[in-house]
Amino acid sequence: MLSDSQSPEHFVVGITPNTPRVFTIPAVEAQPDQPLRDAGPYLRKCAGGEETTTTQMRCARALVGARRDVHEHGRRDSASVDEQINFLIWLIDRGAGGHTCRTAFAPDAPTSPSSYGDSVAWLMWKYVMYAPREHNLEHHERGAAQLAWCIEAFDQLVADVRTGWVRLPEQATAVFPLKTIRPSAAQSDMPDGGEGQVAH
């Protein structure tokens, strides 16, 4: 169950008689005069070159940790990992709404098949899959192609949303592998068909 308002004090999930869980969350930090972030800041964060100053960047850092744990240890506790990832995606989408709440969208603007949070999560996953294999010649080329596709699709989505050509869904759609609006950015699945995806 989600509890949200203009200035929410709590986020409540998974209430049962034996395991109540209440998370306090900050107010939305993102403002309409701040542009929606493209892939650059997230990739710099992965490489250790971007400070973690916002909720969205803290969530991206946590996604890297969750994805790395799945990559290195498998999905032994998949329900817990999925819950964590979904919560982080929800927070990122919530911030994206703050960035875009005053964007003037075209009347016939299509809605992206995947949310901004979904796109950030997929970008983090492909980075985690690529980084350990960077010096492995057997996997390097394919990993680089997957990451490059993801960056291109992410940046195109952000550019289209900023100009009002594409709307973001209000919440995560869990459409994986990611789909895009523009055929040039890859209307079809990723180059490898989405190998290594983590469903959530």
C-alpha atoms as a PDB file:
ATOM      1  CA  MET A   1       0.000   0.000   0.000  1.00  0.00           C
ATOM      2  CA  LEU A   2       1.417   3.382  -0.978  1.00  0.00           C
ATOM      3  CA  SER A   3       0.681   6.549   0.923  1.00  0.00           C
ATOM      4  CA  ASP A   4       1.651   9.748  -0.884  1.00  0.00           C
ATOM      5  CA  SER A   5       0.668  13.404  -0.992  1.00  0.00           C
ATOM      6  CA  GLN A   6       2.211  16.741  -1.891  1.00  0.00           C
ATOM      7  CA  SER A   7       4.458  16.578   1.196  1.00  0.00           C
ATOM      8  CA  PRO A   8       4.267  12.982   2.405  1.00  0.00           C
ATOM      9  CA  GLU A   9       5.644  12.056   5.781  1.00  0.00           C
ATOM     10  CA  HIS A  10       5.633   8.300   5.388  1.00  0.00           C
ATOM     11  CA  PHE A  11       5.776   5.595   2.778  1.00  0.00           C
ATOM     12  CA  VAL A  12       4.098   2.387   3.920  1.00  0.00           C
ATOM     13  CA  VAL A  13       4.600  -0.958   2.209  1.00  0.00           C
ATOM     14  CA  GLY A  14       3.849  -4.578   3.002  1.00  0.00           C
ATOM     15  CA  ILE A  15       1.720  -4.082   6.088  1.00  0.00           C
ATOM     16  CA  THR A  16       0.907  -7.391   7.768  1.00  0.00           C
ATOM     17  CA  PRO A  17       0.160  -8.141  11.411  1.00  0.00           C
ATOM     18  CA  ASN A  18       3.635  -9.609  11.916  1.00  0.00           C
ATOM     19  CA  THR A  19       5.818  -7.445   9.681  1.00  0.00           C
ATOM     20  CA  PRO A  20       4.721  -3.800   9.526  1.00  0.00           C
ATOM     21  CA  ARG A  21       7.192  -1.687   7.606  1.00  0.00           C
ATOM     22  CA  VAL A  22       7.136   2.079   7.530  1.00  0.00           C
ATOM     23  CA  PHE A  23       9.676   4.152   5.618  1.00  0.00           C
ATOM     24  CA  THR A  24      10.006   7.886   6.036  1.00  0.00           C
ATOM     25  CA  ILE A  25      10.746   9.625   2.770  1.00  0.00           C
ATOM     26  CA  PRO A  26      11.807  13.167   1.950  1.00  0.00           C
ATOM     27  CA  ALA A  27       9.657  15.652   0.096  1.00  0.00           C
ATOM     28  CA  VAL A  28      10.171  15.742  -3.679  1.00  0.00           C
ATOM     29  CA  GLU A  29      13.426  17.631  -4.271  1.00  0.00           C
ATOM     30  CA  ALA A  30      13.199  17.938  -8.057  1.00  0.00           C
ATOM     31  CA  GLN A  31      11.806  21.237  -9.327  1.00  0.00           C
ATOM     32  CA  PRO A  32      10.302  22.112 -12.724  1.00  0.00           C
ATOM     33  CA  ASP A  33      13.144  24.533 -13.505  1.00  0.00           C
ATOM     34  CA  GLN A  34      15.701  21.710 -13.173  1.00  0.00           C
ATOM     35  CA  PRO A  35      16.103  19.634 -16.331  1.00  0.00           C
ATOM     36  CA  LEU A  36      15.472  15.907 -16.185  1.00  0.00           C
ATOM     37  CA  ARG A  37      18.882  14.204 -15.955  1.00  0.00           C
ATOM     38  CA  ASP A  38      20.236  12.298 -18.925  1.00  0.00           C
ATOM     39  CA  ALA A  39      22.549   9.264 -18.627  1.00  0.00           C
ATOM     40  CA  GLY A  40      25.721  11.292 -17.969  1.00  0.00           C
ATOM     41  CA  PRO A  41      25.332  12.011 -14.231  1.00  0.00           C
ATOM     42  CA  TYR A  42      24.286   8.425 -13.515  1.00  0.00           C
ATOM     43  CA  LEU A  43      27.278   6.983 -15.354  1.00  0.00           C
ATOM     44  CA  ARG A  44      29.618   9.429 -13.617  1.00  0.00           C
ATOM     45  CA  LYS A  45      28.119   8.289 -10.321  1.00  0.00           C
ATOM     46  CA  CYS A  46      28.853   4.670 -11.249  1.00  0.00           C
ATOM     47  CA  ALA A  47      32.451   5.621 -11.998  1.00  0.00           C
ATOM     48  CA  GLY A  48      32.775   7.526  -8.721  1.00  0.00           C
ATOM     49  CA  GLY A  49      32.939  10.956 -10.338  1.00  0.00           C
ATOM     50  CA  GLU A  50      29.547  12.384  -9.366  1.00  0.00           C
ATOM     51  CA  GLU A  51      28.565  13.426  -5.856  1.00  0.00           C
ATOM     52  CA  THR A  52      25.451  11.862  -4.373  1.00  0.00           C
ATOM     53  CA  THR A  53      23.495  15.012  -3.580  1.00  0.00           C
ATOM     54  CA  THR A  54      19.874  14.127  -4.399  1.00  0.00           C
ATOM     55  CA  THR A  55      17.411  11.364  -3.637  1.00  0.00           C
ATOM     56  CA  GLN A  56      17.492  10.251  -7.270  1.00  0.00           C
ATOM     57  CA  MET A  57      21.271   9.872  -7.232  1.00  0.00           C
ATOM     58  CA  ARG A  58      21.193   8.053  -3.890  1.00  0.00           C
ATOM     59  CA  CYS A  59      18.611   5.679  -5.360  1.00  0.00           C
ATOM     60  CA  ALA A  60      20.794   5.118  -8.438  1.00  0.00           C
ATOM     61  CA  ARG A  61      23.727   4.252  -6.177  1.00  0.00           C
ATOM     62  CA  ALA A  62      21.529   1.796  -4.272  1.00  0.00           C
ATOM     63  CA  LEU A  63      20.376   0.253  -7.573  1.00  0.00           C
ATOM     64  CA  VAL A  64      24.005  -0.365  -8.519  1.00  0.00           C
ATOM     65  CA  GLY A  65      24.483  -2.205  -5.234  1.00  0.00           C
ATOM     66  CA  ALA A  66      21.326  -4.281  -5.680  1.00  0.00           C
ATOM     67  CA  ARG A  67      22.157  -5.134  -9.290  1.00  0.00           C
ATOM     68  CA  ARG A  68      25.752  -6.014  -8.380  1.00  0.00           C
ATOM     69  CA  ASP A  69      24.525  -8.294  -5.597  1.00  0.00           C
ATOM     70  CA  VAL A  70      22.216 -10.086  -8.036  1.00  0.00           C
ATOM     71  CA  HIS A  71      25.002 -10.356 -10.619  1.00  0.00           C
ATOM     72  CA  GLU A  72      27.529 -11.772  -8.156  1.00  0.00           C
ATOM     73  CA  HIS A  73      25.305 -13.927  -5.953  1.00  0.00           C
ATOM     74  CA  GLY A  74      22.275 -14.818  -8.074  1.00  0.00           C
ATOM     75  CA  ARG A  75      18.661 -14.428  -7.009  1.00  0.00           C
ATOM     76  CA  ARG A  76      18.610 -16.444  -3.807  1.00  0.00           C
ATOM     77  CA  ASP A  77      16.360 -13.883  -2.122  1.00  0.00           C
ATOM     78  CA  SER A  78      14.552 -12.569  -5.193  1.00  0.00           C
ATOM     79  CA  ALA A  79      11.438 -11.276  -3.400  1.00  0.00           C
ATOM     80  CA  SER A  80      13.509  -9.038  -1.134  1.00  0.00           C
ATOM     81  CA  VAL A  81      15.690  -7.787  -4.010  1.00  0.00           C
ATOM     82  CA  ASP A  82      12.670  -7.102  -6.222  1.00  0.00           C
ATOM     83  CA  GLU A  83      10.964  -5.163  -3.429  1.00  0.00           C
ATOM     84  CA  GLN A  84      14.060  -3.035  -2.918  1.00  0.00           C
ATOM     85  CA  ILE A  85      14.469  -2.345  -6.638  1.00  0.00           C
ATOM     86  CA  ASN A  86      10.787  -1.480  -7.056  1.00  0.00           C
ATOM     87  CA  PHE A  87      10.936   0.945  -4.146  1.00  0.00           C
ATOM     88  CA  LEU A  88      14.018   2.675  -5.590  1.00  0.00           C
ATOM     89  CA  ILE A  89      12.382   2.920  -9.027  1.00  0.00           C
ATOM     90  CA  TRP A  90       9.276   4.417  -7.416  1.00  0.00           C
ATOM     91  CA  LEU A  91      11.378   7.082  -5.690  1.00  0.00           C
ATOM     92  CA  ILE A  92      13.192   7.929  -8.941  1.00  0.00           C
ATOM     93  CA  ASP A  93       9.890   8.192 -10.839  1.00  0.00           C
ATOM     94  CA  ARG A  94       8.529  10.400  -8.072  1.00  0.00           C
ATOM     95  CA  GLY A  95      11.477  12.763  -8.560  1.00  0.00           C
ATOM     96  CA  ALA A  96      11.022  12.706 -12.333  1.00  0.00           C
ATOM     97  CA  GLY A  97       7.475  13.936 -11.800  1.00  0.00           C
ATOM     98  CA  GLY A  98       8.874  16.958 -10.002  1.00  0.00           C
ATOM     99  CA  HIS A  99      11.113  17.752 -12.970  1.00  0.00           C
ATOM    100  CA  THR A 100       8.332  17.430 -15.537  1.00  0.00           C
ATOM    101  CA  CYS A 101       5.203  18.661 -13.733  1.00  0.00           C
ATOM    102  CA  ARG A 102       5.162  21.907 -15.731  1.00  0.00           C
ATOM    103  CA  THR A 103       6.368  20.547 -19.060  1.00  0.00           C
ATOM    104  CA  ALA A 104       4.077  21.531 -21.937  1.00  0.00           C
ATOM    105  CA  PHE A 105       3.440  18.231 -23.699  1.00  0.00           C
ATOM    106  CA  ALA A 106       2.082  18.061 -27.231  1.00  0.00           C
ATOM    107  CA  PRO A 107      -1.619  17.120 -27.234  1.00  0.00           C
ATOM    108  CA  ASP A 108      -0.874  13.899 -29.116  1.00  0.00           C
ATOM    109  CA  ALA A 109       2.378  13.107 -27.278  1.00  0.00           C
ATOM    110  CA  PRO A 110       2.698   9.329 -26.842  1.00  0.00           C
ATOM    111  CA  THR A 111       3.485   7.821 -23.447  1.00  0.00           C
ATOM    112  CA  SER A 112       6.811   6.043 -23.117  1.00  0.00           C
ATOM    113  CA  PRO A 113       6.465   2.265 -22.754  1.00  0.00           C
ATOM    114  CA  SER A 114       8.891   2.391 -19.812  1.00  0.00           C
ATOM    115  CA  SER A 115       9.106   4.904 -16.989  1.00  0.00           C
ATOM    116  CA  TYR A 116      12.099   7.099 -16.183  1.00  0.00           C
ATOM    117  CA  GLY A 117      12.796   4.985 -13.108  1.00  0.00           C
ATOM    118  CA  ASP A 118      12.659   1.815 -15.222  1.00  0.00           C
ATOM    119  CA  SER A 119      15.185   3.407 -17.585  1.00  0.00           C
ATOM    120  CA  VAL A 120      17.557   4.366 -14.766  1.00  0.00           C
ATOM    121  CA  ALA A 121      17.315   0.851 -13.317  1.00  0.00           C
ATOM    122  CA  TRP A 122      18.091  -0.700 -16.714  1.00  0.00           C
ATOM    123  CA  LEU A 123      21.016   1.665 -17.258  1.00  0.00           C
ATOM    124  CA  MET A 124      22.463   0.691 -13.862  1.00  0.00           C
ATOM    125  CA  TRP A 125      21.982  -2.996 -14.651  1.00  0.00           C
ATOM    126  CA  LYS A 126      23.763  -2.767 -18.004  1.00  0.00           C
ATOM    127  CA  TYR A 127      26.605  -0.818 -16.393  1.00  0.00           C
ATOM    128  CA  VAL A 128      26.987  -3.510 -13.726  1.00  0.00           C
ATOM    129  CA  MET A 129      26.999  -6.174 -16.437  1.00  0.00           C
ATOM    130  CA  TYR A 130      29.587  -4.298 -18.517  1.00  0.00           C
ATOM    131  CA  ALA A 131      32.041  -2.989 -15.908  1.00  0.00           C
ATOM    132  CA  PRO A 132      33.439  -6.340 -14.637  1.00  0.00           C
ATOM    133  CA  ARG A 133      33.865  -7.525 -18.235  1.00  0.00           C
ATOM    134  CA  GLU A 134      35.535  -4.399 -19.558  1.00  0.00           C
ATOM    135  CA  HIS A 135      38.889  -6.178 -19.908  1.00  0.00           C
ATOM    136  CA  ASN A 136      37.430  -9.532 -20.946  1.00  0.00           C
ATOM    137  CA  LEU A 137      37.786  -9.571 -24.728  1.00  0.00           C
ATOM    138  CA  GLU A 138      35.211 -12.326 -25.128  1.00  0.00           C
ATOM    139  CA  HIS A 139      32.410 -10.271 -23.554  1.00  0.00           C
ATOM    140  CA  HIS A 140      33.670  -6.707 -23.992  1.00  0.00           C
ATOM    141  CA  GLU A 141      32.226  -5.967 -27.424  1.00  0.00           C
ATOM    142  CA  ARG A 142      28.739  -7.237 -26.633  1.00  0.00           C
ATOM    143  CA  GLY A 143      28.698  -5.544 -23.228  1.00  0.00           C
ATOM    144  CA  ALA A 144      29.816  -2.264 -24.758  1.00  0.00           C
ATOM    145  CA  ALA A 145      27.100  -2.510 -27.443  1.00  0.00           C
ATOM    146  CA  GLN A 146      24.396  -3.147 -24.831  1.00  0.00           C
ATOM    147  CA  LEU A 147      25.524  -0.244 -22.669  1.00  0.00           C
ATOM    148  CA  ALA A 148      25.815   2.084 -25.677  1.00  0.00           C
ATOM    149  CA  TRP A 149      22.262   1.161 -26.779  1.00  0.00           C
ATOM    150  CA  CYS A 150      20.969   1.823 -23.289  1.00  0.00           C
ATOM    151  CA  ILE A 151      22.692   5.225 -23.110  1.00  0.00           C
ATOM    152  CA  GLU A 152      21.338   6.218 -26.536  1.00  0.00           C
ATOM    153  CA  ALA A 153      17.789   5.162 -25.669  1.00  0.00           C
ATOM    154  CA  PHE A 154      17.941   6.849 -22.264  1.00  0.00           C
ATOM    155  CA  ASP A 155      19.261  10.142 -23.634  1.00  0.00           C
ATOM    156  CA  GLN A 156      16.682  10.113 -26.443  1.00  0.00           C
ATOM    157  CA  LEU A 157      13.876   9.570 -23.939  1.00  0.00           C
ATOM    158  CA  VAL A 158      15.091  12.463 -21.794  1.00  0.00           C
ATOM    159  CA  ALA A 159      15.426  14.767 -24.820  1.00  0.00           C
ATOM    160  CA  ASP A 160      11.925  13.882 -26.024  1.00  0.00           C
ATOM    161  CA  VAL A 161      10.401  14.416 -22.573  1.00  0.00           C
ATOM    162  CA  ARG A 162      12.183  17.752 -22.110  1.00  0.00           C
ATOM    163  CA  THR A 163      10.719  19.027 -25.383  1.00  0.00           C
ATOM    164  CA  GLY A 164       7.245  17.671 -24.658  1.00  0.00           C
ATOM    165  CA  TRP A 165       7.298  15.144 -27.497  1.00  0.00           C
ATOM    166  CA  VAL A 166       6.940  12.104 -25.194  1.00  0.00           C
ATOM    167  CA  ARG A 167       5.155  11.728 -21.866  1.00  0.00           C
ATOM    168  CA  LEU A 168       6.447   9.641 -18.993  1.00  0.00           C
ATOM    169  CA  PRO A 169       4.083   7.121 -17.409  1.00  0.00           C
ATOM    170  CA  GLU A 170       3.132   8.082 -13.874  1.00  0.00           C
ATOM    171  CA  GLN A 171       4.640   4.921 -12.464  1.00  0.00           C
ATOM    172  CA  ALA A 172       6.908   2.063 -13.450  1.00  0.00           C
ATOM    173  CA  THR A 173       5.559  -0.185 -16.180  1.00  0.00           C
ATOM    174  CA  ALA A 174       7.985  -3.096 -15.707  1.00  0.00           C
ATOM    175  CA  VAL A 175       8.344  -3.402 -19.484  1.00  0.00           C
ATOM    176  CA  PHE A 176      11.660  -5.211 -19.872  1.00  0.00           C
ATOM    177  CA  PRO A 177      13.761  -5.202 -21.944  1.00  0.00           C
ATOM    178  CA  LEU A 178      13.141  -1.514 -22.409  1.00  0.00           C
ATOM    179  CA  LYS A 179      11.179  -0.321 -25.438  1.00  0.00           C
ATOM    180  CA  THR A 180      11.428   3.132 -26.964  1.00  0.00           C
ATOM    181  CA  ILE A 181       9.142   5.422 -28.937  1.00  0.00           C
ATOM    182  CA  ARG A 182      11.611   6.200 -31.713  1.00  0.00           C
ATOM    183  CA  PRO A 183      12.587   3.328 -34.026  1.00  0.00           C
ATOM    184  CA  SER A 184      16.048   4.861 -34.485  1.00  0.00           C
ATOM    185  CA  ALA A 185      16.742   4.427 -30.767  1.00  0.00           C
ATOM    186  CA  ALA A 186      15.660   0.775 -30.905  1.00  0.00           C
ATOM    187  CA  GLN A 187      11.945   0.132 -31.091  1.00  0.00           C
ATOM    188  CA  SER A 188      12.807  -3.514 -30.814  1.00  0.00           C
ATOM    189  CA  ASP A 189      14.512  -5.198 -27.898  1.00  0.00           C
ATOM    190  CA  MET A 190      18.113  -4.599 -26.963  1.00  0.00           C
ATOM    191  CA  PRO A 191      20.894  -5.912 -29.248  1.00  0.00           C
ATOM    192  CA  ASP A 192      21.135  -9.158 -27.279  1.00  0.00           C
ATOM    193  CA  GLY A 193      17.407  -9.593 -26.723  1.00  0.00           C
ATOM    194  CA  GLY A 194      17.738  -8.526 -23.097  1.00  0.00           C
ATOM    195  CA  GLU A 195      20.086 -11.234 -21.876  1.00  0.00           C
ATOM    196  CA  GLY A 196      20.860 -10.932 -18.212  1.00  0.00           C
ATOM    197  CA  GLN A 197      17.753  -8.946 -17.361  1.00  0.00           C
ATOM    198  CA  VAL A 198      16.410  -8.848 -13.847  1.00  0.00           C
ATOM    199  CA  ALA A 199      12.657  -8.956 -13.769  1.00  0.00           C
ATOM    200  CA  HIS A 200      10.833  -7.033 -11.109  1.00  0.00           C
END
